[in-house]
Protein backbone atom coordinates (compact mmCIF):
# COMPACT_ATOMS: atom_id res chain seq x y z
CA MET A 1 -132.31 -20.41 95.07
CA THR A 2 -132.93 -17.08 96.74
CA GLU A 3 -131.01 -15.69 99.69
CA ARG A 4 -134.05 -16.06 101.91
CA GLU A 5 -134.57 -19.70 100.91
CA LEU A 6 -130.95 -20.57 101.64
CA ASN A 7 -131.01 -18.76 104.98
CA ASN A 8 -134.20 -20.61 105.95
CA LYS A 9 -132.65 -23.96 105.00
CA TYR A 10 -129.51 -23.11 106.95
CA PHE A 11 -131.50 -22.20 110.06
CA ALA A 12 -133.57 -25.40 109.74
CA TRP A 13 -130.36 -27.42 109.46
CA MET A 14 -128.89 -25.80 112.58
CA TYR A 15 -132.19 -26.31 114.42
CA GLN A 16 -132.27 -30.02 113.62
CA LEU A 17 -128.65 -30.41 114.82
CA VAL A 18 -129.73 -29.55 118.35
CA CYS A 19 -133.47 -30.28 118.39
CA THR A 20 -133.45 -33.86 117.13
CA THR A 21 -135.75 -36.64 118.33
CA GLY A 22 -133.19 -37.63 120.96
CA TYR A 23 -133.75 -34.20 122.47
CA SER A 24 -137.47 -33.92 121.73
CA LYS A 25 -138.09 -32.03 124.96
CA HIS A 26 -136.37 -29.18 123.14
CA SER A 27 -138.65 -29.18 120.10
CA HIS A 28 -140.41 -25.89 120.92
CA TYR A 29 -137.50 -23.46 121.07
CA ARG A 30 -137.72 -21.81 117.68
CA LYS A 31 -138.18 -18.30 119.13
CA LEU A 32 -135.10 -18.66 121.33
CA LEU A 33 -132.91 -20.11 118.60
CA ASP A 34 -134.14 -17.58 116.06
CA HIS A 35 -133.30 -14.73 118.43
CA LEU A 36 -129.87 -16.20 119.24
CA HIS A 37 -129.24 -16.26 115.50
CA ASP A 38 -130.05 -12.54 115.33
CA ILE A 39 -127.48 -11.63 118.01
CA LYS A 40 -123.91 -11.00 116.85
CA PHE A 41 -121.31 -13.03 118.73
CA THR A 42 -118.81 -10.60 120.19
CA TYR A 43 -115.97 -11.57 122.45
CA ILE A 44 -113.60 -10.08 124.99
CA HIS A 45 -111.09 -12.94 125.24
CA PRO A 46 -108.91 -12.83 122.10
CA MET A 47 -108.85 -16.63 121.73
CA ASP A 48 -112.64 -16.68 121.42
CA SER A 49 -112.08 -15.37 117.90
CA ASN A 50 -111.65 -19.10 117.18
CA ARG A 51 -115.23 -19.69 118.32
CA ALA A 52 -116.41 -16.98 115.91
CA GLU A 53 -114.43 -18.61 113.11
CA ASP A 54 -115.91 -22.02 113.96
CA GLY A 55 -119.38 -20.46 113.83
CA VAL A 56 -118.76 -19.02 110.38
CA ASN A 57 -117.29 -22.35 109.23
CA LEU A 58 -120.57 -24.00 110.23
CA ARG A 59 -122.05 -22.32 107.12
CA TYR A 60 -119.62 -24.21 104.92
CA ARG A 61 -120.28 -27.50 106.70
CA PHE A 62 -123.95 -26.96 105.90
CA ALA A 63 -123.05 -26.28 102.25
CA TYR A 64 -120.90 -29.40 102.08
CA GLU A 65 -123.58 -31.64 103.61
CA HIS A 66 -126.18 -30.31 101.18
CA SER A 67 -123.90 -30.12 98.13
CA TYR A 68 -124.25 -26.36 97.78
CA ASP A 69 -121.53 -24.48 96.01
CA ASN A 70 -119.35 -22.34 98.31
CA THR A 71 -119.96 -19.31 96.09
CA LEU A 72 -123.65 -19.53 97.01
CA VAL A 73 -122.72 -19.61 100.70
CA ARG A 74 -120.33 -16.67 100.31
CA ALA A 75 -123.00 -14.65 98.53
CA TYR A 76 -126.00 -15.48 100.73
CA LEU A 77 -124.83 -16.75 104.12
CA ASP A 78 -121.31 -15.52 104.69
CA ASN A 79 -122.20 -11.86 104.48
CA GLY A 80 -122.40 -11.23 108.21
CA ASP A 81 -120.67 -11.90 111.48
CA CYS A 82 -121.01 -15.10 113.47
CA SER A 83 -124.20 -15.22 115.49
CA VAL A 84 -124.47 -16.42 119.08
CA LEU A 85 -126.45 -19.42 117.82
CA GLU A 86 -123.74 -20.34 115.32
CA MET A 87 -121.05 -20.05 117.99
CA LEU A 88 -123.00 -22.20 120.46
CA ILE A 89 -123.77 -24.90 117.91
CA ALA A 90 -120.22 -24.88 116.54
CA LEU A 91 -118.89 -25.20 120.11
CA ALA A 92 -121.27 -28.11 120.79
CA VAL A 93 -120.11 -29.79 117.56
CA LYS A 94 -116.47 -29.26 118.55
CA CYS A 95 -117.13 -30.70 122.02
CA GLU A 96 -118.66 -33.80 120.44
CA ASP A 97 -116.06 -34.22 117.70
CA ASP A 98 -112.91 -33.36 119.70
CA ILE A 99 -113.67 -34.40 123.29
CA MET A 100 -116.74 -36.54 123.81
CA GLU A 101 -117.23 -38.63 120.66
CA ASP A 102 -118.33 -42.16 121.50
CA SER A 103 -119.58 -44.35 118.66
CA ASP A 104 -121.37 -46.63 121.13
CA ILE A 105 -123.50 -43.74 122.38
CA GLY A 106 -123.91 -41.79 119.15
CA ASN A 107 -123.83 -38.10 118.39
CA ARG A 108 -124.56 -35.94 121.43
CA THR A 109 -124.11 -32.50 119.89
CA GLY A 110 -127.62 -31.58 121.02
CA GLN A 111 -126.83 -32.64 124.57
CA TRP A 112 -123.80 -30.34 124.75
CA PHE A 113 -125.77 -27.47 123.21
CA TRP A 114 -128.60 -27.84 125.73
CA THR A 115 -126.11 -28.15 128.59
CA MET A 116 -124.84 -24.68 127.67
CA ILE A 117 -128.41 -23.33 127.31
CA ASP A 118 -129.26 -24.79 130.74
CA ASN A 119 -126.11 -23.33 132.30
CA LEU A 120 -126.94 -19.92 130.86
CA GLY A 121 -130.38 -20.12 132.46
CA LEU A 122 -132.30 -20.12 129.19
CA SER A 123 -133.87 -23.59 129.34
CA ASP A 124 -137.26 -22.16 130.32
CA MET A 125 -137.34 -19.93 127.22
CA ASN A 126 -139.50 -22.24 125.10
CA ASP A 127 -141.96 -20.89 122.53
CA PHE A 128 -144.76 -20.80 125.12
CA ALA A 129 -142.84 -18.79 127.75
CA TYR A 130 -140.29 -16.88 125.69
CA ASP A 131 -138.97 -13.59 127.08
CA GLU A 132 -136.76 -11.68 124.67
CA CYS A 133 -135.66 -9.11 127.27
CA TYR A 134 -134.49 -11.84 129.63
CA THR A 135 -132.69 -13.60 126.78
CA ASP A 136 -130.92 -10.36 125.87
CA PHE A 137 -129.90 -9.89 129.51
CA VAL A 138 -128.48 -13.43 129.72
CA ILE A 139 -126.58 -13.17 126.44
CA GLY A 140 -125.26 -9.74 127.43
CA ARG A 141 -123.99 -11.27 130.69
CA LEU A 142 -122.27 -14.02 128.69
CA LEU A 143 -120.67 -11.78 126.07
CA ASN A 144 -119.52 -9.25 128.67
CA ARG A 145 -118.29 -12.04 130.96
CA GLU A 146 -120.37 -10.81 133.87
CA TYR A 147 -121.12 -14.27 135.24
CA LYS A 148 -119.68 -15.74 138.42
CA ARG A 149 -116.04 -16.70 138.90
CA ASP A 150 -116.85 -20.43 138.72
CA GLY A 151 -118.69 -19.89 135.41
CA GLU A 152 -122.21 -19.95 136.89
CA GLY A 153 -124.42 -17.94 134.56
CA GLY A 154 -122.06 -18.63 131.66
CA LEU A 155 -121.69 -21.62 129.36
CA PHE A 156 -119.97 -23.93 131.86
CA THR A 157 -119.98 -24.02 135.65
CA ILE A 158 -116.86 -25.61 137.11
CA LYS A 159 -117.23 -25.99 140.86
CA ASN A 160 -113.72 -27.20 141.66
CA CYS A 161 -111.68 -25.01 139.35
CA SER A 162 -108.97 -22.74 140.68
CA ARG A 163 -109.19 -20.49 137.60
CA ASP A 164 -111.52 -17.52 137.21
CA MET A 165 -113.71 -18.73 134.35
CA ARG A 166 -114.32 -15.16 133.21
CA SER A 167 -110.69 -15.00 132.11
CA VAL A 168 -110.65 -18.37 130.33
CA GLU A 169 -111.57 -18.81 126.67
CA PHE A 170 -114.77 -20.78 126.05
CA TRP A 171 -112.95 -23.80 124.59
CA TYR A 172 -110.85 -24.24 127.75
CA GLN A 173 -113.96 -23.73 129.87
CA ALA A 174 -115.49 -26.67 127.98
CA MET A 175 -112.42 -28.82 128.62
CA PHE A 176 -112.49 -27.97 132.35
CA TYR A 177 -116.20 -28.77 132.42
CA PHE A 178 -115.84 -32.17 130.76
CA SER A 179 -112.83 -32.98 132.93
CA GLU A 180 -114.91 -32.37 136.05
CA ASN A 181 -118.14 -33.99 134.83
CA THR A 182 -117.08 -37.15 132.98
């Protein structure tokens, strides 16, 4: 298998995690997701290094689920930093697995991913109306923590939170969000 083939399979796997039939309204977002995968996830809050690590570990989850040898992943996938797409998907997976799992409802990883995309203001960036400059602006605002105090414009908006969400790591933002909304 070539590096390009493995990278294409990895992207397709990530895409199907969040664009499944249960979320079919999100089936035309390849341009957005592809661009998010091209943007390096950088962070200001030191604890968000965990989100970068989770994003990189997503590569090994993919390998495990497809029975690929880890040496292949190290050679072809794990040769770069975590992307914004990997971080967002890994965070959505973590939200499902660690906070919101409900066997009666089923896997809602896609729902948590699209909640973050909606909160960022990127839900209109489908393949028919995609604006790369706007996407770059929104992701820059996220990575530089230039959104509002309550998280509006970031991954999670928490209306009744006494904390400044710009100073809270993304994982705790998620916990505040689910505490307020479930």
